[in-house]
Amino acid sequence: SVVIVFLLWSAVSYSGIIKPIFLPTPTATLKAALKLFQEFGLFKDIGISVYRIFLGFILSCLIAIPLGIWTGTNRKTEAFFDPIIGFTRYIPPSAFVPLFILWFGIGDFEKILLIFAGTIPYLAVLVFDVVANTKREFIEAGYTLGAKKKDILRKIIVPQSLPGIWDAMRVVFGLSWTLLVVAEIVASTSGLGHIIITSQRFLQTPNVIAAILIISILGILTDYIFKITYKIFFPWTEKSTYA
């Protein structure tokens, strides 16, 4: 499928069917990417973007995962937090950008906070769903063998939920990349999103395509890391042993 897309891109760009200002050729895009690395310090922008996304995502995990487990095992807690999570989940994260710029400026903290605010409700809901679907027979067997409530949580619910929580983190990390670009496109002086919007202003389409492809490659790499670590951490699951 990747080869087909590349061939179609080559066909319409090299043939001149689409003008270079709208869709540059693969050669022009590669040259633009090399120039960004050699002359404009693209490695620095990549590092800044990766730093922002990882910090925002980690902060989201530190709150959303315990919250999802708590709400998934306690009906009162679920009743209290569900309206708040539901309310924030349906607000487009991009709507927070003007407010966050007004409140926190245009530095790293504003962008990290946008990733945090945009991912935490989705991750909390996914973790809640995983925890709430713990097999009932395991819990009943635990109580039958004399386990207390804290033992059920620590030895049954959390271990069984961990593979699903890891998958939820993988999905939400993909969303983090989208939020990062949104944060860096508006009022930013560094990062991959800044390169995209700056290049667009000067009609440097090859730079835009190159930055988009770099973001895609970074996203695929992180997704692959999640897949590999899933097999390492949870080798007993059906998903890890599926051939």
Protein backbone atom coordinates (compact mmCIF):
# COMPACT_ATOMS: atom_id res chain seq x y z
CA SER A 1 0.00 0.00 0.00
CA VAL A 2 2.88 2.38 0.79
CA VAL A 3 4.47 1.63 -2.59
CA ILE A 4 1.17 2.31 -4.36
CA VAL A 5 0.79 5.68 -2.64
CA PHE A 6 4.39 6.59 -3.49
CA LEU A 7 3.88 5.63 -7.15
CA LEU A 8 0.71 7.70 -7.38
CA TRP A 9 2.49 10.66 -5.78
CA SER A 10 5.37 10.29 -8.24
CA ALA A 11 3.04 9.97 -11.22
CA VAL A 12 1.00 13.10 -10.55
CA SER A 13 3.96 15.23 -9.44
CA TYR A 14 6.64 14.32 -12.00
CA SER A 15 4.12 14.43 -14.86
CA GLY A 16 3.09 17.98 -13.97
CA ILE A 17 -0.59 17.09 -13.55
CA ILE A 18 -0.41 18.86 -10.19
CA LYS A 19 1.80 21.95 -9.95
CA PRO A 20 4.82 21.77 -7.60
CA ILE A 21 3.45 24.57 -5.44
CA PHE A 22 0.56 22.28 -4.50
CA LEU A 23 2.36 18.91 -4.50
CA PRO A 24 6.15 18.78 -4.86
CA THR A 25 7.92 15.73 -6.26
CA PRO A 26 9.47 13.13 -3.93
CA THR A 27 12.92 14.37 -5.03
CA ALA A 28 12.13 17.97 -4.09
CA THR A 29 10.70 16.82 -0.77
CA LEU A 30 13.83 14.78 0.01
CA LYS A 31 16.08 17.73 -0.85
CA ALA A 32 13.96 19.99 1.37
CA ALA A 33 14.24 17.53 4.26
CA LEU A 34 18.03 17.32 3.91
CA LYS A 35 18.26 21.12 3.79
CA LEU A 36 16.15 21.41 6.94
CA PHE A 37 18.51 19.05 8.74
CA GLN A 38 21.71 20.61 7.45
CA GLU A 39 20.93 24.34 7.46
CA PHE A 40 17.97 24.91 9.77
CA GLY A 41 18.70 22.61 12.72
CA LEU A 42 15.74 20.27 12.27
CA PHE A 43 17.14 17.88 14.88
CA LYS A 44 16.66 20.61 17.49
CA ASP A 45 13.02 21.14 16.47
CA ILE A 46 12.42 17.38 16.56
CA GLY A 47 13.94 17.22 20.04
CA ILE A 48 11.75 20.08 21.27
CA SER A 49 8.59 18.47 19.86
CA VAL A 50 9.44 15.05 21.32
CA TYR A 51 10.15 16.65 24.71
CA ARG A 52 6.79 18.44 24.72
CA ILE A 53 4.78 15.43 23.66
CA PHE A 54 6.42 13.02 26.10
CA LEU A 55 6.10 15.33 29.09
CA GLY A 56 2.45 16.15 28.35
CA PHE A 57 1.63 12.49 27.77
CA ILE A 58 3.40 11.30 30.93
CA LEU A 59 1.56 13.88 33.04
CA SER A 60 -1.70 12.69 31.49
CA CYS A 61 -0.87 9.05 32.32
CA LEU A 62 0.04 9.88 35.92
CA ILE A 63 -3.47 11.23 36.53
CA ALA A 64 -5.69 9.47 33.97
CA ILE A 65 -4.61 5.89 34.72
CA PRO A 66 -5.19 6.00 38.52
CA LEU A 67 -8.41 7.94 37.89
CA GLY A 68 -9.63 5.37 35.35
CA ILE A 69 -8.85 2.50 37.73
CA TRP A 70 -10.54 4.30 40.62
CA THR A 71 -13.71 5.09 38.66
CA GLY A 72 -13.77 1.58 37.18
CA THR A 73 -13.84 -0.02 40.63
CA ASN A 74 -15.96 2.44 42.60
CA ARG A 75 -19.48 3.43 41.56
CA LYS A 76 -19.55 6.55 43.74
CA THR A 77 -16.30 7.79 42.23
CA GLU A 78 -17.64 7.02 38.76
CA ALA A 79 -20.81 9.00 39.47
CA PHE A 80 -18.75 11.96 40.67
CA PHE A 81 -16.16 12.15 37.86
CA ASP A 82 -18.21 10.90 34.90
CA PRO A 83 -19.98 14.25 34.23
CA ILE A 84 -16.67 16.16 34.40
CA ILE A 85 -14.84 13.74 32.11
CA GLY A 86 -17.79 13.59 29.72
CA PHE A 87 -18.02 17.39 29.58
CA THR A 88 -14.33 17.93 28.81
CA ARG A 89 -14.11 15.00 26.39
CA TYR A 90 -16.49 16.65 23.94
CA ILE A 91 -14.66 19.98 23.89
CA PRO A 92 -12.24 20.12 20.93
CA PRO A 93 -8.73 20.50 22.40
CA SER A 94 -7.95 23.19 19.82
CA ALA A 95 -10.60 25.36 21.49
CA PHE A 96 -8.29 25.64 24.51
CA VAL A 97 -5.43 27.15 22.49
CA PRO A 98 -6.52 30.84 22.72
CA LEU A 99 -7.21 30.52 26.45
CA PHE A 100 -3.98 28.70 27.20
CA ILE A 101 -1.98 31.31 25.27
CA LEU A 102 -3.75 34.04 27.24
CA TRP A 103 -3.19 32.30 30.59
CA PHE A 104 0.23 30.68 30.14
CA GLY A 105 1.91 32.46 27.23
CA ILE A 106 3.48 30.76 24.19
CA GLY A 107 6.25 28.78 25.88
CA ASP A 108 6.67 25.07 26.43
CA PHE A 109 4.30 24.97 29.39
CA GLU A 110 1.31 26.05 27.27
CA LYS A 111 1.96 23.32 24.70
CA ILE A 112 2.60 20.63 27.29
CA LEU A 113 -0.59 21.63 29.10
CA LEU A 114 -2.60 21.44 25.85
CA ILE A 115 -1.40 17.86 25.26
CA PHE A 116 -2.21 17.03 28.87
CA ALA A 117 -5.69 18.58 28.76
CA GLY A 118 -6.48 17.04 25.38
CA THR A 119 -5.48 13.47 26.23
CA ILE A 120 -6.46 13.00 29.89
CA PRO A 121 -10.25 12.59 29.39
CA TYR A 122 -9.82 10.06 26.56
CA LEU A 123 -7.22 8.03 28.43
CA ALA A 124 -9.31 8.05 31.62
CA VAL A 125 -12.37 6.76 29.72
CA LEU A 126 -10.39 4.01 27.98
CA VAL A 127 -8.78 2.87 31.24
CA PHE A 128 -12.18 2.92 32.96
CA ASP A 129 -13.62 0.73 30.21
CA VAL A 130 -10.76 -1.77 30.50
CA VAL A 131 -11.04 -1.99 34.30
CA ALA A 132 -14.84 -2.19 34.30
CA ASN A 133 -14.67 -5.19 31.96
CA THR A 134 -12.56 -7.32 34.30
CA LYS A 135 -13.88 -10.88 34.19
CA ARG A 136 -16.39 -11.32 36.96
CA GLU A 137 -15.51 -14.96 37.57
CA PHE A 138 -11.95 -13.98 38.55
CA ILE A 139 -13.24 -11.52 41.14
CA GLU A 140 -15.75 -14.03 42.54
CA ALA A 141 -13.03 -16.69 42.72
CA GLY A 142 -10.83 -14.25 44.64
CA TYR A 143 -13.56 -13.53 47.19
CA THR A 144 -14.25 -17.27 47.50
CA LEU A 145 -10.59 -17.87 48.36
CA GLY A 146 -10.72 -15.22 51.07
CA ALA A 147 -9.28 -12.19 49.29
CA LYS A 148 -10.18 -8.72 50.57
CA LYS A 149 -11.19 -5.79 48.40
CA LYS A 150 -7.67 -4.35 48.23
CA ASP A 151 -6.33 -7.80 47.27
CA ILE A 152 -8.90 -8.05 44.46
CA LEU A 153 -7.72 -4.69 43.11
CA ARG A 154 -4.00 -5.38 43.46
CA LYS A 155 -3.85 -9.04 42.43
CA ILE A 156 -6.75 -9.45 39.98
CA ILE A 157 -8.13 -6.24 38.50
CA VAL A 158 -4.89 -4.34 37.89
CA PRO A 159 -2.86 -7.28 36.48
CA GLN A 160 -5.66 -8.26 34.10
CA SER A 161 -6.19 -4.65 33.03
CA LEU A 162 -2.55 -3.79 32.34
CA PRO A 163 -2.46 -5.09 28.71
CA GLY A 164 -5.61 -3.11 27.90
CA ILE A 165 -4.24 -0.02 29.63
CA TRP A 166 -1.04 -0.31 27.56
CA ASP A 167 -3.12 -0.45 24.39
CA ALA A 168 -5.09 2.59 25.55
CA MET A 169 -1.83 4.48 26.09
CA ARG A 170 -0.74 3.54 22.58
CA VAL A 171 -3.95 4.91 21.05
CA VAL A 172 -3.88 8.14 23.06
CA PHE A 173 -0.20 8.72 22.28
CA GLY A 174 -1.21 8.95 18.62
CA LEU A 175 -3.68 11.67 19.58
CA SER A 176 -0.86 13.47 21.37
CA TRP A 177 0.96 14.00 18.07
CA THR A 178 -2.12 15.68 16.61
CA LEU A 179 -2.41 17.99 19.60
CA LEU A 180 1.28 18.82 19.44
CA VAL A 181 1.02 20.04 15.86
CA VAL A 182 -2.05 22.11 16.74
CA ALA A 183 -0.16 23.67 19.66
CA GLU A 184 2.96 24.42 17.62
CA ILE A 185 1.18 25.82 14.58
CA VAL A 186 -0.30 28.66 16.65
CA ALA A 187 2.05 31.21 18.24
CA SER A 188 5.17 29.06 18.33
CA THR A 189 8.84 29.73 17.63
CA SER A 190 10.10 26.14 17.55
CA GLY A 191 9.04 22.57 16.84
CA LEU A 192 7.79 20.68 13.80
CA GLY A 193 4.45 22.49 13.79
CA HIS A 194 6.30 25.81 13.66
CA ILE A 195 8.23 24.62 10.60
CA ILE A 196 4.97 23.66 8.87
CA ILE A 197 3.23 27.01 9.43
CA THR A 198 6.36 29.06 8.63
CA SER A 199 6.93 27.15 5.40
CA GLN A 200 3.29 27.58 4.44
CA ARG A 201 3.55 31.35 4.79
CA PHE A 202 6.41 31.45 2.30
CA LEU A 203 4.84 28.87 -0.03
CA GLN A 204 7.64 26.37 0.70
CA THR A 205 5.48 23.32 0.06
CA PRO A 206 8.37 20.79 0.00
CA ASN A 207 9.24 21.82 3.57
CA VAL A 208 5.63 21.32 4.63
CA ILE A 209 5.45 17.84 3.09
CA ALA A 210 8.86 16.94 4.57
CA ALA A 211 7.80 18.00 8.08
CA ILE A 212 4.53 16.07 7.78
CA LEU A 213 6.39 12.92 6.70
CA ILE A 214 8.86 13.29 9.58
CA ILE A 215 5.97 13.54 12.05
CA SER A 216 4.43 10.43 10.49
CA ILE A 217 7.72 8.51 10.75
CA LEU A 218 8.16 9.52 14.40
CA GLY A 219 4.57 8.45 15.11
CA ILE A 220 5.12 5.06 13.45
CA LEU A 221 8.32 4.53 15.45
CA THR A 222 6.60 5.25 18.77
CA ASP A 223 3.69 3.01 17.79
CA TYR A 224 6.14 0.24 16.95
CA ILE A 225 7.82 0.70 20.35
CA PHE A 226 4.44 0.26 22.04
CA LYS A 227 3.83 -2.95 20.07
CA ILE A 228 7.25 -4.42 20.92
CA THR A 229 7.03 -3.53 24.61
CA TYR A 230 3.52 -5.02 24.72
CA LYS A 231 4.93 -8.40 23.68
CA ILE A 232 7.77 -8.04 26.21
CA PHE A 233 5.60 -6.98 29.17
CA PHE A 234 2.56 -9.17 28.48
CA PRO A 235 3.75 -12.37 26.75
CA TRP A 236 0.86 -14.40 28.16
CA THR A 237 -1.88 -12.53 26.26
CA GLU A 238 -3.50 -13.93 23.14
CA LYS A 239 -2.51 -10.80 21.26
CA SER A 240 1.19 -11.40 21.97
CA THR A 241 1.10 -15.03 20.83
CA TYR A 242 -1.07 -14.48 17.73
CA ALA A 243 0.81 -15.53 14.60
